[in-house]
PDB file of N, CA and C in Angstrom:
ATOM      1  N   MET A   1     137.919 117.194  14.797  1.00  0.00           N
ATOM      2  CA  MET A   1     137.810 116.053  14.132  1.00  0.00           C
ATOM      3  C   MET A   1     138.903 115.266  14.481  1.00  0.00           C
ATOM      4  N   SER A   2     138.871 114.132  15.202  1.00  0.00           N
ATOM      5  CA  SER A   2     139.385 112.844  15.798  1.00  0.00           C
ATOM      6  C   SER A   2     140.895 112.680  14.565  1.00  0.00           C
ATOM      7  N   PRO A   3     141.980 112.390  14.895  1.00  0.00           N
ATOM      8  CA  PRO A   3     142.981 112.113  14.277  1.00  0.00           C
ATOM      9  C   PRO A   3     142.606 111.000  13.208  1.00  0.00           C
ATOM     10  N   GLU A   4     141.295 109.488  13.834  1.00  0.00           N
ATOM     11  CA  GLU A   4     141.159 108.606  13.058  1.00  0.00           C
ATOM     12  C   GLU A   4     140.441 108.823  11.746  1.00  0.00           C
ATOM     13  N   VAL A   5     139.598 110.361  12.315  1.00  0.00           N
ATOM     14  CA  VAL A   5     138.698 110.126  11.002  1.00  0.00           C
ATOM     15  C   VAL A   5     139.181 111.032  10.031  1.00  0.00           C
ATOM     16  N   ILE A   6     140.555 111.978  10.343  1.00  0.00           N
ATOM     17  CA  ILE A   6     141.287 112.538   9.209  1.00  0.00           C
ATOM     18  C   ILE A   6     142.150 111.751   8.542  1.00  0.00           C
ATOM     19  N   ALA A   7     142.686 110.596   9.013  1.00  0.00           N
ATOM     20  CA  ALA A   7     143.547 109.938   8.706  1.00  0.00           C
ATOM     21  C   ALA A   7     142.273 108.949   7.401  1.00  0.00           C
ATOM     22  N   THR A   8     141.289 108.220   7.678  1.00  0.00           N
ATOM     23  CA  THR A   8     140.258 107.539   7.010  1.00  0.00           C
ATOM     24  C   THR A   8     139.956 108.379   6.272  1.00  0.00           C
ATOM     25  N   ILE A   9     139.853 109.740   6.041  1.00  0.00           N
ATOM     26  CA  ILE A   9     139.255 110.466   5.170  1.00  0.00           C
ATOM     27  C   ILE A   9     140.789 110.511   3.999  1.00  0.00           C
ATOM     28  N   LEU A  10     141.693 110.775   4.612  1.00  0.00           N
ATOM     29  CA  LEU A  10     142.755 111.534   3.623  1.00  0.00           C
ATOM     30  C   LEU A  10     143.417 109.566   3.055  1.00  0.00           C
ATOM     31  N   ALA A  11     143.152 108.772   3.880  1.00  0.00           N
ATOM     32  CA  ALA A  11     143.538 107.421   3.189  1.00  0.00           C
ATOM     33  C   ALA A  11     142.428 106.872   1.914  1.00  0.00           C
ATOM     34  N   VAL A  12     141.203 107.557   1.794  1.00  0.00           N
ATOM     35  CA  VAL A  12     140.493 107.645   0.774  1.00  0.00           C
ATOM     36  C   VAL A  12     141.075 108.209  -0.456  1.00  0.00           C
ATOM     37  N   LEU A  13     141.095 109.588  -0.196  1.00  0.00           N
ATOM     38  CA  LEU A  13     141.820 110.145  -1.336  1.00  0.00           C
ATOM     39  C   LEU A  13     142.947 109.888  -1.701  1.00  0.00           C
ATOM     40  N   GLY A  14     143.610 109.406  -0.616  1.00  0.00           N
ATOM     41  CA  GLY A  14     144.812 109.255  -1.435  1.00  0.00           C
ATOM     42  C   GLY A  14     145.241 108.274  -2.430  1.00  0.00           C
ATOM     43  N   GLY A  15     144.540 107.183  -2.899  1.00  0.00           N
ATOM     44  CA  GLY A  15     144.387 106.280  -3.886  1.00  0.00           C
ATOM     45  C   GLY A  15     144.363 107.195  -5.126  1.00  0.00           C
ATOM     46  N   PRO A  16     143.343 108.173  -5.603  1.00  0.00           N
ATOM     47  CA  PRO A  16     143.335 108.580  -6.851  1.00  0.00           C
ATOM     48  C   PRO A  16     144.764 110.048  -6.814  1.00  0.00           C
ATOM     49  N   VAL A  17     145.341 110.488  -5.697  1.00  0.00           N
ATOM     50  CA  VAL A  17     146.055 111.099  -5.677  1.00  0.00           C
ATOM     51  C   VAL A  17     147.501 110.622  -5.679  1.00  0.00           C
ATOM     52  N   VAL A  18     148.043 109.557  -5.363  1.00  0.00           N
ATOM     53  CA  VAL A  18     148.494 108.659  -5.703  1.00  0.00           C
ATOM     54  C   VAL A  18     148.857 108.360  -7.320  1.00  0.00           C
ATOM     55  N   LEU A  19     147.929 107.933  -7.758  1.00  0.00           N
ATOM     56  CA  LEU A  19     147.404 107.415  -9.252  1.00  0.00           C
ATOM     57  C   LEU A  19     147.894 108.958 -10.002  1.00  0.00           C
ATOM     58  N   ALA A  20     147.548 109.767  -9.965  1.00  0.00           N
ATOM     59  CA  ALA A  20     148.011 111.106 -10.643  1.00  0.00           C
ATOM     60  C   ALA A  20     148.969 111.076 -10.706  1.00  0.00           C
ATOM     61  N   LEU A  21     150.044 110.953  -9.306  1.00  0.00           N
ATOM     62  CA  LEU A  21     151.550 111.429  -9.111  1.00  0.00           C
ATOM     63  C   LEU A  21     152.147 110.094 -10.222  1.00  0.00           C
ATOM     64  N   THR A  22     151.865 109.054 -10.138  1.00  0.00           N
ATOM     65  CA  THR A  22     152.040 107.479 -10.731  1.00  0.00           C
ATOM     66  C   THR A  22     152.073 108.144 -11.600  1.00  0.00           C
ATOM     67  N   GLU A  23     151.469 108.590 -12.851  1.00  0.00           N
ATOM     68  CA  GLU A  23     151.195 108.411 -14.083  1.00  0.00           C
ATOM     69  C   GLU A  23     152.086 109.975 -14.820  1.00  0.00           C
ATOM     70  N   MET A  24     152.394 110.526 -13.795  1.00  0.00           N
ATOM     71  CA  MET A  24     153.314 111.664 -13.881  1.00  0.00           C
ATOM     72  C   MET A  24     154.678 111.280 -13.908  1.00  0.00           C
ATOM     73  N   VAL A  25     155.142 110.739 -13.062  1.00  0.00           N
ATOM     74  CA  VAL A  25     156.446 110.155 -12.447  1.00  0.00           C
ATOM     75  C   VAL A  25     156.494 109.177 -13.790  1.00  0.00           C
ATOM     76  N   LYS A  26     156.115 108.272 -13.835  1.00  0.00           N
ATOM     77  CA  LYS A  26     156.185 107.129 -14.803  1.00  0.00           C
ATOM     78  C   LYS A  26     156.602 107.569 -16.444  1.00  0.00           C
ATOM     79  N   ARG A  27     155.741 108.303 -16.823  1.00  0.00           N
ATOM     80  CA  ARG A  27     155.966 109.480 -18.026  1.00  0.00           C
ATOM     81  C   ARG A  27     157.420 109.501 -18.309  1.00  0.00           C
ATOM     82  N   LEU A  28     157.846 110.547 -16.783  1.00  0.00           N
ATOM     83  CA  LEU A  28     158.950 110.935 -17.079  1.00  0.00           C
ATOM     84  C   LEU A  28     160.500 110.163 -16.871  1.00  0.00           C
ATOM     85  N   VAL A  29     159.956 108.788 -16.379  1.00  0.00           N
ATOM     86  CA  VAL A  29     160.990 108.000 -15.753  1.00  0.00           C
ATOM     87  C   VAL A  29     160.839 107.177 -17.830  1.00  0.00           C
ATOM     88  N   LEU A  30     160.145 106.851 -18.549  1.00  0.00           N
ATOM     89  CA  LEU A  30     160.121 106.153 -19.182  1.00  0.00           C
ATOM     90  C   LEU A  30     160.644 107.087 -20.553  1.00  0.00           C
ATOM     91  N   LYS A  31     160.703 108.341 -20.554  1.00  0.00           N
ATOM     92  CA  LYS A  31     161.478 109.071 -21.346  1.00  0.00           C
ATOM     93  C   LYS A  31     162.497 109.108 -21.179  1.00  0.00           C
ATOM     94  N   GLN A  32     163.311 108.726 -19.600  1.00  0.00           N
ATOM     95  CA  GLN A  32     164.671 108.700 -19.542  1.00  0.00           C
ATOM     96  C   GLN A  32     165.376 107.471 -19.549  1.00  0.00           C
ATOM     97  N   PHE A  33     164.511 106.307 -19.564  1.00  0.00           N
ATOM     98  CA  PHE A  33     164.678 104.906 -19.902  1.00  0.00           C
ATOM     99  C   PHE A  33     163.781 104.247 -20.612  1.00  0.00           C
ATOM    100  N   PRO A  34     163.954 103.971 -22.114  1.00  0.00           N
ATOM    101  CA  PRO A  34     163.219 103.448 -23.099  1.00  0.00           C
ATOM    102  C   PRO A  34     162.988 102.032 -22.903  1.00  0.00           C
ATOM    103  N   LEU A  35     164.150 101.267 -22.234  1.00  0.00           N
ATOM    104  CA  LEU A  35     164.236  99.845 -22.466  1.00  0.00           C
ATOM    105  C   LEU A  35     163.109  99.907 -21.361  1.00  0.00           C
ATOM    106  N   LEU A  36     162.993 100.187 -20.358  1.00  0.00           N
ATOM    107  CA  LEU A  36     162.142  99.642 -19.507  1.00  0.00           C
ATOM    108  C   LEU A  36     160.700  99.355 -19.956  1.00  0.00           C
ATOM    109  N   THR A  37     159.939  98.506 -19.241  1.00  0.00           N
ATOM    110  CA  THR A  37     158.410  97.871 -19.715  1.00  0.00           C
ATOM    111  C   THR A  37     157.668  99.158 -18.999  1.00  0.00           C
ATOM    112  N   THR A  38     156.717  99.784 -19.534  1.00  0.00           N
ATOM    113  CA  THR A  38     155.661 100.889 -19.051  1.00  0.00           C
ATOM    114  C   THR A  38     154.730  99.795 -17.379  1.00  0.00           C
ATOM    115  N   ALA A  39     154.739  98.636 -17.524  1.00  0.00           N
ATOM    116  CA  ALA A  39     154.197  98.295 -16.075  1.00  0.00           C
ATOM    117  C   ALA A  39     155.096  98.242 -15.547  1.00  0.00           C
ATOM    118  N   THR A  40     156.670  97.456 -15.326  1.00  0.00           N
ATOM    119  CA  THR A  40     157.136  97.857 -14.284  1.00  0.00           C
ATOM    120  C   THR A  40     158.094  98.824 -13.883  1.00  0.00           C
ATOM    121  N   VAL A  41     158.145  99.667 -14.481  1.00  0.00           N
ATOM    122  CA  VAL A  41     157.861 101.416 -14.298  1.00  0.00           C
ATOM    123  C   VAL A  41     156.990 101.893 -13.323  1.00  0.00           C
ATOM    124  N   GLY A  42     155.911 101.314 -13.802  1.00  0.00           N
ATOM    125  CA  GLY A  42     154.297 102.073 -13.092  1.00  0.00           C
ATOM    126  C   GLY A  42     154.171 101.356 -11.831  1.00  0.00           C
ATOM    127  N   TYR A  43     154.315 100.135 -11.754  1.00  0.00           N
ATOM    128  CA  TYR A  43     155.120  99.204 -10.479  1.00  0.00           C
ATOM    129  C   TYR A  43     155.596  99.915  -9.377  1.00  0.00           C
ATOM    130  N   ILE A  44     157.176  99.983  -9.929  1.00  0.00           N
ATOM    131  CA  ILE A  44     158.386 100.367  -9.114  1.00  0.00           C
ATOM    132  C   ILE A  44     157.529 102.003  -7.949  1.00  0.00           C
ATOM    133  N   VAL A  45     156.966 102.933  -9.891  1.00  0.00           N
ATOM    134  CA  VAL A  45     156.745 104.071  -8.841  1.00  0.00           C
ATOM    135  C   VAL A  45     155.315 104.238  -7.903  1.00  0.00           C
ATOM    136  N   CYS A  46     154.343 103.256  -8.603  1.00  0.00           N
ATOM    137  CA  CYS A  46     153.415 102.802  -7.515  1.00  0.00           C
ATOM    138  C   CYS A  46     153.760 102.857  -6.273  1.00  0.00           C
ATOM    139  N   GLY A  47     154.311 101.581  -6.008  1.00  0.00           N
ATOM    140  CA  GLY A  47     154.756 101.344  -5.069  1.00  0.00           C
ATOM    141  C   GLY A  47     155.393 102.405  -4.104  1.00  0.00           C
ATOM    142  N   LEU A  48     156.332 103.071  -4.723  1.00  0.00           N
ATOM    143  CA  LEU A  48     157.436 104.056  -4.111  1.00  0.00           C
ATOM    144  C   LEU A  48     156.107 105.133  -3.488  1.00  0.00           C
ATOM    145  N   SER A  49     155.786 105.565  -4.432  1.00  0.00           N
ATOM    146  CA  SER A  49     154.198 106.347  -4.017  1.00  0.00           C
ATOM    147  C   SER A  49     153.240 106.702  -3.033  1.00  0.00           C
ATOM    148  N   SER A  50     153.187 104.862  -2.995  1.00  0.00           N
ATOM    149  CA  SER A  50     151.757 104.208  -2.155  1.00  0.00           C
ATOM    150  C   SER A  50     152.880 104.594  -0.445  1.00  0.00           C
ATOM    151  N   VAL A  51     153.722 103.698  -0.320  1.00  0.00           N
ATOM    152  CA  VAL A  51     154.503 104.074   0.546  1.00  0.00           C
ATOM    153  C   VAL A  51     154.954 105.324   1.261  1.00  0.00           C
ATOM    154  N   GLY A  52     155.420 106.142   0.311  1.00  0.00           N
ATOM    155  CA  GLY A  52     155.470 107.530   0.743  1.00  0.00           C
ATOM    156  C   GLY A  52     154.512 108.409   1.046  1.00  0.00           C
ATOM    157  N   GLY A  53     153.354 108.600   0.230  1.00  0.00           N
ATOM    158  CA  GLY A  53     152.033 108.741   0.578  1.00  0.00           C
ATOM    159  C   GLY A  53     151.588 108.576   1.955  1.00  0.00           C
ATOM    160  N   THR A  54     151.425 107.144   2.015  1.00  0.00           N
ATOM    161  CA  THR A  54     151.060 106.613   3.263  1.00  0.00           C
ATOM    162  C   THR A  54     151.878 107.012   4.551  1.00  0.00           C
ATOM    163  N   LEU A  55     152.834 106.975   4.917  1.00  0.00           N
ATOM    164  CA  LEU A  55     153.939 107.455   5.354  1.00  0.00           C
ATOM    165  C   LEU A  55     153.629 108.676   6.208  1.00  0.00           C
ATOM    166  N   TYR A  56     153.636 109.932   4.760  1.00  0.00           N
ATOM    167  CA  TYR A  56     153.478 111.503   5.258  1.00  0.00           C
ATOM    168  C   TYR A  56     151.817 111.469   5.957  1.00  0.00           C
ATOM    169  N   VAL A  57     151.082 110.638   5.240  1.00  0.00           N
ATOM    170  CA  VAL A  57     149.620 110.819   6.010  1.00  0.00           C
ATOM    171  C   VAL A  57     149.850 110.020   7.702  1.00  0.00           C
ATOM    172  N   LEU A  58     149.983 109.637   7.733  1.00  0.00           N
ATOM    173  CA  LEU A  58     150.281 108.567   9.425  1.00  0.00           C
ATOM    174  C   LEU A  58     151.675 109.473   9.978  1.00  0.00           C
ATOM    175  N   LEU A  59     152.405 110.160   9.374  1.00  0.00           N
ATOM    176  CA  LEU A  59     153.080 110.938  10.445  1.00  0.00           C
ATOM    177  C   LEU A  59     152.417 112.555  10.486  1.00  0.00           C
ATOM    178  N   SER A  60     152.104 112.559   9.840  1.00  0.00           N
ATOM    179  CA  SER A  60     151.301 114.091   9.686  1.00  0.00           C
ATOM    180  C   SER A  60     149.965 114.305  10.508  1.00  0.00           C
ATOM    181  N   THR A  61     148.969 112.758  10.455  1.00  0.00           N
ATOM    182  CA  THR A  61     148.093 113.161  11.650  1.00  0.00           C
ATOM    183  C   THR A  61     148.419 112.554  12.638  1.00  0.00           C
ATOM    184  N   HIS A  62     149.956 112.136  13.328  1.00  0.00           N
ATOM    185  CA  HIS A  62     150.355 111.478  14.473  1.00  0.00           C
ATOM    186  C   HIS A  62     150.005 110.539  14.737  1.00  0.00           C
ATOM    187  N   THR A  63     149.470 109.561  13.393  1.00  0.00           N
ATOM    188  CA  THR A  63     148.668 108.292  14.481  1.00  0.00           C
ATOM    189  C   THR A  63     149.606 107.188  13.522  1.00  0.00           C
ATOM    190  N   PHE A  64     151.026 107.302  13.252  1.00  0.00           N
ATOM    191  CA  PHE A  64     151.931 106.049  12.905  1.00  0.00           C
ATOM    192  C   PHE A  64     152.064 105.029  13.761  1.00  0.00           C
ATOM    193  N   ASN A  65     151.623 103.742  13.238  1.00  0.00           N
ATOM    194  CA  ASN A  65     152.235 102.615  13.965  1.00  0.00           C
ATOM    195  C   ASN A  65     152.928 101.842  12.759  1.00  0.00           C
ATOM    196  N   VAL A  66     153.399 100.920  12.712  1.00  0.00           N
ATOM    197  CA  VAL A  66     153.853  99.799  12.178  1.00  0.00           C
ATOM    198  C   VAL A  66     152.966  98.920  11.424  1.00  0.00           C
ATOM    199  N   LEU A  67     151.918  98.195  12.136  1.00  0.00           N
ATOM    200  CA  LEU A  67     150.952  97.826  11.177  1.00  0.00           C
ATOM    201  C   LEU A  67     150.071  98.674  10.684  1.00  0.00           C
ATOM    202  N   ALA A  68     149.859  99.939  11.013  1.00  0.00           N
ATOM    203  CA  ALA A  68     148.860 100.949  10.362  1.00  0.00           C
ATOM    204  C   ALA A  68     149.639 101.094   8.753  1.00  0.00           C
ATOM    205  N   PHE A  69     150.855 101.156   8.853  1.00  0.00           N
ATOM    206  CA  PHE A  69     151.402 101.807   7.648  1.00  0.00           C
ATOM    207  C   PHE A  69     151.850 100.957   6.794  1.00  0.00           C
ATOM    208  N   LEU A  70     152.213  99.404   7.286  1.00  0.00           N
ATOM    209  CA  LEU A  70     151.984  98.292   6.042  1.00  0.00           C
ATOM    210  C   LEU A  70     150.643  97.993   5.861  1.00  0.00           C
ATOM    211  N   GLY A  71     149.521  98.253   6.337  1.00  0.00           N
ATOM    212  CA  GLY A  71     148.625  97.888   5.857  1.00  0.00           C
ATOM    213  C   GLY A  71     147.665  99.186   4.922  1.00  0.00           C
ATOM    214  N   TYR A  72     148.219 100.204   5.427  1.00  0.00           N
ATOM    215  CA  TYR A  72     147.828 101.574   4.464  1.00  0.00           C
ATOM    216  C   TYR A  72     148.209 101.203   2.893  1.00  0.00           C
ATOM    217  N   SER A  73     149.768 101.334   3.461  1.00  0.00           N
ATOM    218  CA  SER A  73     150.888 101.241   2.079  1.00  0.00           C
ATOM    219  C   SER A  73     150.128  99.848   0.984  1.00  0.00           C
ATOM    220  N   VAL A  74     149.443  98.635   1.707  1.00  0.00           N
ATOM    221  CA  VAL A  74     149.172  98.031   0.568  1.00  0.00           C
ATOM    222  C   VAL A  74     147.955  98.055   0.088  1.00  0.00           C
ATOM    223  N   LEU A  75     147.190  98.883   0.896  1.00  0.00           N
ATOM    224  CA  LEU A  75     145.498  99.253   0.311  1.00  0.00           C
ATOM    225  C   LEU A  75     145.684 100.279  -0.606  1.00  0.00           C
ATOM    226  N   VAL A  76     146.484 101.037  -0.546  1.00  0.00           N
ATOM    227  CA  VAL A  76     147.154 102.433  -1.665  1.00  0.00           C
ATOM    228  C   VAL A  76     147.668 101.547  -2.976  1.00  0.00           C
ATOM    229  N   PHE A  77     147.981 101.205  -2.435  1.00  0.00           N
ATOM    230  CA  PHE A  77     149.260 100.330  -3.802  1.00  0.00           C
ATOM    231  C   PHE A  77     148.683  99.424  -4.710  1.00  0.00           C
ATOM    232  N   ILE A  78     147.572  99.077  -3.425  1.00  0.00           N
ATOM    233  CA  ILE A  78     146.399  98.070  -4.562  1.00  0.00           C
ATOM    234  C   ILE A  78     145.207  98.829  -5.218  1.00  0.00           C
ATOM    235  N   GLU A  79     144.896  99.930  -4.841  1.00  0.00           N
ATOM    236  CA  GLU A  79     143.996 100.960  -5.514  1.00  0.00           C
ATOM    237  C   GLU A  79     144.730 101.686  -6.734  1.00  0.00           C
ATOM    238  N   ALA A  80     146.042 102.179  -6.198  1.00  0.00           N
ATOM    239  CA  ALA A  80     146.192 103.364  -7.292  1.00  0.00           C
ATOM    240  C   ALA A  80     146.624 102.260  -8.858  1.00  0.00           C
ATOM    241  N   SER A  81     147.407 101.042  -8.212  1.00  0.00           N
ATOM    242  CA  SER A  81     148.004 100.476  -9.181  1.00  0.00           C
ATOM    243  C   SER A  81     146.629  99.833  -9.907  1.00  0.00           C
ATOM    244  N   GLY A  82     145.761  99.306  -9.355  1.00  0.00           N
ATOM    245  CA  GLY A  82     144.793  98.463  -9.955  1.00  0.00           C
ATOM    246  C   GLY A  82     144.556  97.213 -10.028  1.00  0.00           C
ATOM    247  N   LEU A  83     145.598  96.334  -9.306  1.00  0.00           N
ATOM    248  CA  LEU A  83     145.543  95.399  -9.010  1.00  0.00           C
ATOM    249  C   LEU A  83     144.098  94.632  -8.745  1.00  0.00           C
ATOM    250  N   TYR A  84     143.564  95.107  -7.920  1.00  0.00           N
ATOM    251  CA  TYR A  84     142.141  94.505  -7.607  1.00  0.00           C
ATOM    252  C   TYR A  84     141.207  94.430  -8.700  1.00  0.00           C
ATOM    253  N   LYS A  85     141.647  94.903 -10.063  1.00  0.00           N
ATOM    254  CA  LYS A  85     140.798  94.369 -11.014  1.00  0.00           C
ATOM    255  C   LYS A  85     141.340  93.350 -11.517  1.00  0.00           C
ATOM    256  N   ALA A  86     142.392  92.673 -11.270  1.00  0.00           N
ATOM    257  CA  ALA A  86     143.025  91.826 -11.730  1.00  0.00           C
ATOM    258  C   ALA A  86     142.015  90.198 -10.984  1.00  0.00           C
ATOM    259  N   LEU A  87     141.285  90.518  -9.851  1.00  0.00           N
ATOM    260  CA  LEU A  87     140.943  89.432  -8.792  1.00  0.00           C
ATOM    261  C   LEU A  87     140.128  88.831  -9.553  1.00  0.00           C
ATOM    262  N   PRO A  88     139.430  87.752  -9.599  1.00  0.00           N
ATOM    263  CA  PRO A  88     138.465  87.317 -10.334  1.00  0.00           C
ATOM    264  C   PRO A  88     137.143  87.780  -9.190  1.00  0.00           C
ATOM    265  N   LYS A  89     136.133  88.174 -10.327  1.00  0.00           N
ATOM    266  CA  LYS A  89     134.578  88.385  -9.759  1.00  0.00           C
ATOM    267  C   LYS A  89     134.086  86.963  -9.495  1.00  0.00           C
ATOM    268  N   PRO A  90     133.573  87.680  -7.999  1.00  0.00           N
ATOM    269  CA  PRO A  90     132.147  86.491  -7.441  1.00  0.00           C
ATOM    270  C   PRO A  90     131.143  86.601  -8.119  1.00  0.00           C
ATOM    271  N   GLU A  91     130.771  85.198  -8.362  1.00  0.00           N
ATOM    272  CA  GLU A  91     129.547  85.090  -9.412  1.00  0.00           C
ATOM    273  C   GLU A  91     128.024  84.838  -8.193  1.00  0.00           C
TER     274      GLU A  91
END
């Protein structure tokens, strides 16, 4: 299998994995810092795990470049955080 195919498969699977990790870490952080809002902690943790997961996938498949890193990080963050649900639906 080519590195591009592997990167695509891992990118598709990355969103749900990041979502699960985000929920676990978010619960731990909220227990330690109860004054923070759930949304703030969720977006921070989701952003960090999206960047980390994307970096890991691109480095492990030897396909790292800055443009792919930025693009995939944003896409994984949007999927994992659920921001795409806030966009207006076309009629």
